[in-house]
Amino acid sequence: MRRLYFSLLAAGIALTTLTSYAHADMARAQAFVKEKNFEAAFKEFIASAKEGNMYAQYIVAQMYANGEGVERDMRESAFWYGMAADLGHLKSQNNLANMYMDGFGIQQNFDEAARWFQRAANNGNTLSMASLAELYQHGYGVEQDHKKAVRLYEAAAKAGVGKAMNNLGFMHFGGIGVSQSYTQAYKWFSIAEFIGNLQGRVNKFDMRDYVNDAEKSQAEMAAERWLAEHPDAMPKRDKKD
């Protein structure tokens, strides 16, 4: 299951959140990022990372993963995610777990993947909740537990994680950890589609021969009710002035 490791820099995400951790190295790094001088930025970030700044460690891991300002090196990326993860950085914990899951830049180890997903999930990382649910669903690195997988998927779905909504559709479709119900499966695929999950949209379309028009209508109304009851699951849109 190869996953993408998104770049803070290429995505144009502002680094202003780092100013409160104000090392001189970090301030200079941010200035270089604005100038798109990533090689100079990397030198400043890694200096701060070596001093123990977990936010710098996370960015260094991202830069190694994406080859920005430094030659791409997934082993180094995994190392710096690990450093930040040990200090409690949630995104680093999630990314490190994904790397253990995939064996990408590090030896594949489902036990370690489960440990890091669990640690991040315990601290509220909803993507890690959904990934941990997958491990419980399939029994990778943990004892297989379909009911626990469903509970984790439901918690992640309430926070707006599309793959959790889509996977709940599969669980209901196959009666895995829940009572089998094509109507419930259609509901969850509809919810996933609504928030923009492409796989949910595809799966909803593929269910056209499993539910009749009345069941589709029932499921879609149930999806609308669920979304109304769980506003945190709705897509977040930037407010415009």
Protein backbone atom coordinates (compact mmCIF):
# COMPACT_ATOMS: atom_id res chain seq x y z
CA MET A 1 0.00 0.00 0.00
CA ARG A 2 2.24 2.79 -1.27
CA ARG A 3 1.24 6.14 0.20
CA LEU A 4 2.09 9.69 -0.76
CA TYR A 5 4.25 11.85 1.46
CA PHE A 6 3.16 15.38 0.71
CA SER A 7 5.58 18.26 0.65
CA LEU A 8 5.02 21.31 2.78
CA LEU A 9 7.13 23.37 0.45
CA ALA A 10 5.84 22.28 -2.93
CA ALA A 11 2.28 22.58 -1.67
CA GLY A 12 2.93 26.18 -0.73
CA ILE A 13 1.89 25.68 2.89
CA ALA A 14 2.93 28.64 5.01
CA LEU A 15 5.55 28.03 7.65
CA THR A 16 4.40 30.88 9.85
CA THR A 17 3.20 28.38 12.45
CA LEU A 18 6.84 27.69 13.20
CA THR A 19 7.62 31.22 14.31
CA SER A 20 6.59 30.51 17.87
CA TYR A 21 9.45 28.03 18.07
CA ALA A 22 11.77 30.81 17.11
CA HIS A 23 15.25 29.54 16.59
CA ALA A 24 17.33 31.85 14.44
CA ASP A 25 17.86 28.88 12.12
CA MET A 26 14.10 28.51 11.69
CA ALA A 27 13.57 32.18 10.96
CA ARG A 28 16.30 32.14 8.32
CA ALA A 29 14.91 28.91 6.87
CA GLN A 30 11.48 30.47 6.46
CA ALA A 31 13.01 33.45 4.66
CA PHE A 32 14.80 31.09 2.26
CA VAL A 33 11.59 29.15 1.64
CA LYS A 34 9.82 32.36 0.65
CA GLU A 35 12.67 32.99 -1.80
CA LYS A 36 12.32 29.39 -3.06
CA ASN A 37 15.95 28.81 -2.13
CA PHE A 38 15.35 25.31 -0.82
CA GLU A 39 18.99 24.27 -0.57
CA ALA A 40 19.72 27.15 1.79
CA ALA A 41 16.47 26.47 3.66
CA PHE A 42 17.44 22.83 4.13
CA LYS A 43 20.75 23.79 5.75
CA GLU A 44 18.94 25.96 8.28
CA PHE A 45 16.19 23.42 8.97
CA ILE A 46 18.61 20.57 9.54
CA ALA A 47 20.70 22.73 11.88
CA SER A 48 17.60 23.33 13.97
CA ALA A 49 16.58 19.67 13.66
CA LYS A 50 19.92 18.57 15.08
CA GLU A 51 19.29 20.86 18.05
CA GLY A 52 16.14 18.85 18.81
CA ASN A 53 13.40 21.00 17.24
CA MET A 54 10.73 18.46 16.29
CA TYR A 55 9.04 20.80 13.81
CA ALA A 56 12.32 21.23 11.96
CA GLN A 57 12.84 17.46 12.11
CA TYR A 58 9.45 16.95 10.48
CA ILE A 59 10.25 19.40 7.68
CA VAL A 60 13.68 17.84 7.12
CA ALA A 61 11.95 14.46 6.78
CA GLN A 62 9.57 15.97 4.22
CA MET A 63 12.42 17.54 2.28
CA TYR A 64 14.33 14.26 2.14
CA ALA A 65 11.15 12.46 1.03
CA ASN A 66 10.52 14.91 -1.78
CA GLY A 67 14.08 15.76 -2.78
CA GLU A 68 13.66 19.45 -2.02
CA GLY A 69 16.92 21.24 -1.31
CA VAL A 70 18.63 17.89 -0.82
CA GLU A 71 18.95 14.62 -2.71
CA ARG A 72 15.92 12.39 -2.17
CA ASP A 73 16.68 9.81 0.51
CA MET A 74 13.84 7.83 2.06
CA ARG A 75 16.08 6.29 4.72
CA GLU A 76 17.02 9.74 5.95
CA SER A 77 13.37 10.73 5.74
CA ALA A 78 12.38 7.80 7.95
CA PHE A 79 15.17 8.66 10.41
CA TRP A 80 13.97 12.26 10.85
CA TYR A 81 10.31 11.26 11.05
CA GLY A 82 11.40 8.90 13.80
CA MET A 83 13.22 11.65 15.66
CA ALA A 84 10.17 13.93 15.54
CA ALA A 85 7.80 11.06 16.31
CA ASP A 86 9.73 10.24 19.49
CA LEU A 87 9.19 13.83 20.60
CA GLY A 88 5.44 13.55 20.05
CA HIS A 89 4.92 15.11 16.59
CA LEU A 90 1.64 13.56 15.40
CA LYS A 91 2.11 13.89 11.63
CA SER A 92 5.56 12.38 11.94
CA GLN A 93 4.15 9.47 13.92
CA ASN A 94 1.53 8.88 11.22
CA ASN A 95 4.05 9.16 8.37
CA LEU A 96 6.54 6.89 10.12
CA ALA A 97 3.79 4.32 10.64
CA ASN A 98 2.94 4.50 6.93
CA MET A 99 6.57 3.89 6.05
CA TYR A 100 6.70 0.84 8.30
CA MET A 101 3.42 -0.32 6.75
CA ASP A 102 4.75 -0.02 3.20
CA GLY A 103 8.39 -0.91 3.80
CA PHE A 104 9.20 2.37 2.12
CA GLY A 105 12.60 3.74 3.20
CA ILE A 106 12.60 1.36 6.13
CA GLN A 107 12.17 -2.40 6.65
CA GLN A 108 8.49 -3.33 6.59
CA ASN A 109 7.26 -4.03 10.09
CA PHE A 110 3.54 -4.25 10.81
CA ASP A 111 4.09 -4.38 14.56
CA GLU A 112 5.90 -1.04 14.45
CA ALA A 113 3.29 0.38 12.09
CA ALA A 114 0.57 -0.58 14.54
CA ARG A 115 2.51 0.87 17.48
CA TRP A 116 2.96 4.25 15.81
CA PHE A 117 -0.56 4.41 14.43
CA GLN A 118 -1.85 3.60 17.92
CA ARG A 119 0.31 6.27 19.53
CA ALA A 120 -0.82 8.93 17.06
CA ALA A 121 -4.45 7.81 17.26
CA ASN A 122 -4.34 8.01 21.07
CA ASN A 123 -3.40 11.67 20.67
CA GLY A 124 -6.19 12.44 18.22
CA ASN A 125 -4.67 11.86 14.78
CA THR A 126 -7.73 10.76 12.81
CA LEU A 127 -5.79 9.54 9.76
CA SER A 128 -3.94 7.20 12.10
CA MET A 129 -7.27 6.00 13.51
CA ALA A 130 -8.39 4.99 10.02
CA SER A 131 -5.08 3.29 9.25
CA LEU A 132 -5.11 1.47 12.58
CA ALA A 133 -8.62 0.30 11.74
CA GLU A 134 -7.24 -1.24 8.54
CA LEU A 135 -4.68 -3.17 10.57
CA TYR A 136 -7.38 -4.52 12.88
CA GLN A 137 -9.56 -5.34 9.89
CA HIS A 138 -6.84 -7.46 8.28
CA GLY A 139 -4.89 -8.57 11.35
CA TYR A 140 -1.60 -6.91 10.43
CA GLY A 141 0.59 -6.20 13.46
CA VAL A 142 -2.38 -6.70 15.78
CA GLU A 143 -4.82 -9.46 16.56
CA GLN A 144 -7.62 -9.29 14.00
CA ASP A 145 -10.66 -7.61 15.49
CA HIS A 146 -13.39 -6.58 13.06
CA LYS A 147 -15.56 -4.89 15.67
CA LYS A 148 -12.66 -2.75 16.86
CA ALA A 149 -11.91 -1.88 13.23
CA VAL A 150 -15.49 -0.68 12.81
CA ARG A 151 -15.29 1.45 15.97
CA LEU A 152 -12.08 3.09 14.78
CA TYR A 153 -13.49 3.67 11.30
CA GLU A 154 -16.58 5.28 12.84
CA ALA A 155 -14.47 7.60 15.01
CA ALA A 156 -12.36 8.63 12.03
CA ALA A 157 -15.45 9.09 9.85
CA LYS A 158 -16.92 11.52 12.37
CA ALA A 159 -13.76 13.61 11.94
CA GLY A 160 -14.14 13.65 8.15
CA VAL A 161 -11.69 10.94 7.04
CA GLY A 162 -12.95 9.82 3.64
CA LYS A 163 -11.24 6.44 3.54
CA ALA A 164 -12.86 5.54 6.87
CA MET A 165 -16.30 6.30 5.41
CA ASN A 166 -15.52 4.29 2.29
CA ASN A 167 -14.18 1.36 4.32
CA LEU A 168 -17.29 1.36 6.50
CA GLY A 169 -19.20 0.87 3.27
CA PHE A 170 -17.12 -2.25 2.60
CA MET A 171 -17.65 -3.52 6.12
CA HIS A 172 -21.41 -3.23 5.78
CA PHE A 173 -21.33 -4.63 2.24
CA GLY A 174 -19.57 -7.77 3.42
CA GLY A 175 -21.04 -7.99 6.92
CA ILE A 176 -17.58 -7.65 8.46
CA GLY A 177 -17.83 -6.65 12.11
CA VAL A 178 -21.40 -5.45 11.50
CA SER A 179 -24.67 -6.86 10.26
CA GLN A 180 -24.60 -7.22 6.48
CA SER A 181 -26.62 -4.48 4.78
CA TYR A 182 -26.40 -3.21 1.23
CA THR A 183 -28.47 -0.20 2.24
CA GLN A 184 -25.97 0.74 4.96
CA ALA A 185 -23.12 0.16 2.54
CA TYR A 186 -24.76 2.50 0.03
CA LYS A 187 -25.23 5.07 2.79
CA TRP A 188 -21.56 5.07 3.70
CA PHE A 189 -20.42 5.20 0.09
CA SER A 190 -22.80 8.15 -0.37
CA ILE A 191 -21.27 9.92 2.63
CA ALA A 192 -17.76 9.27 1.32
CA GLU A 193 -18.74 10.56 -2.11
CA PHE A 194 -20.27 13.70 -0.62
CA ILE A 195 -17.06 14.75 1.11
CA GLY A 196 -15.06 14.13 -2.07
CA ASN A 197 -13.72 10.60 -1.68
CA LEU A 198 -13.28 9.26 -5.20
CA GLN A 199 -13.29 5.58 -4.21
CA GLY A 200 -16.57 6.10 -2.38
CA ARG A 201 -18.06 7.54 -5.55
CA VAL A 202 -16.87 4.56 -7.60
CA ASN A 203 -18.17 2.05 -5.06
CA LYS A 204 -21.52 3.78 -4.84
CA PHE A 205 -21.86 3.53 -8.62
CA ASP A 206 -20.85 -0.14 -8.54
CA MET A 207 -23.66 -0.87 -6.06
CA ARG A 208 -26.39 0.10 -8.51
CA ASP A 209 -27.37 -3.57 -8.99
CA TYR A 210 -27.45 -4.34 -5.26
CA VAL A 211 -30.07 -1.81 -4.14
CA ASN A 212 -33.36 -0.77 -5.69
CA ASP A 213 -34.58 2.80 -6.09
CA ALA A 214 -36.43 2.81 -2.78
CA GLU A 215 -33.38 1.52 -0.91
CA LYS A 216 -31.15 4.09 -2.63
CA SER A 217 -33.50 6.87 -1.54
CA GLN A 218 -33.58 5.52 2.01
CA ALA A 219 -29.79 5.29 2.13
CA GLU A 220 -29.27 8.78 0.72
CA MET A 221 -31.66 10.29 3.27
CA ALA A 222 -29.81 8.43 6.02
CA ALA A 223 -26.53 9.81 4.67
CA GLU A 224 -27.91 13.37 4.75
CA ARG A 225 -29.07 12.90 8.34
CA TRP A 226 -25.70 11.52 9.39
CA LEU A 227 -23.86 14.45 7.83
CA ALA A 228 -26.23 16.92 9.49
CA GLU A 229 -25.58 15.26 12.85
CA HIS A 230 -21.80 15.26 12.38
CA PRO A 231 -20.73 18.71 11.13
CA ASP A 232 -17.06 17.95 11.90
CA ALA A 233 -17.16 15.40 9.08
CA MET A 234 -18.00 18.05 6.52
CA PRO A 235 -15.23 19.28 4.20
CA LYS A 236 -13.41 22.30 5.58
CA ARG A 237 -13.43 25.26 3.22
CA ASP A 238 -11.25 28.31 3.55
CA LYS A 239 -13.17 31.39 4.53
CA LYS A 240 -12.86 34.31 2.17
CA ASP A 241 -12.81 37.92 3.30
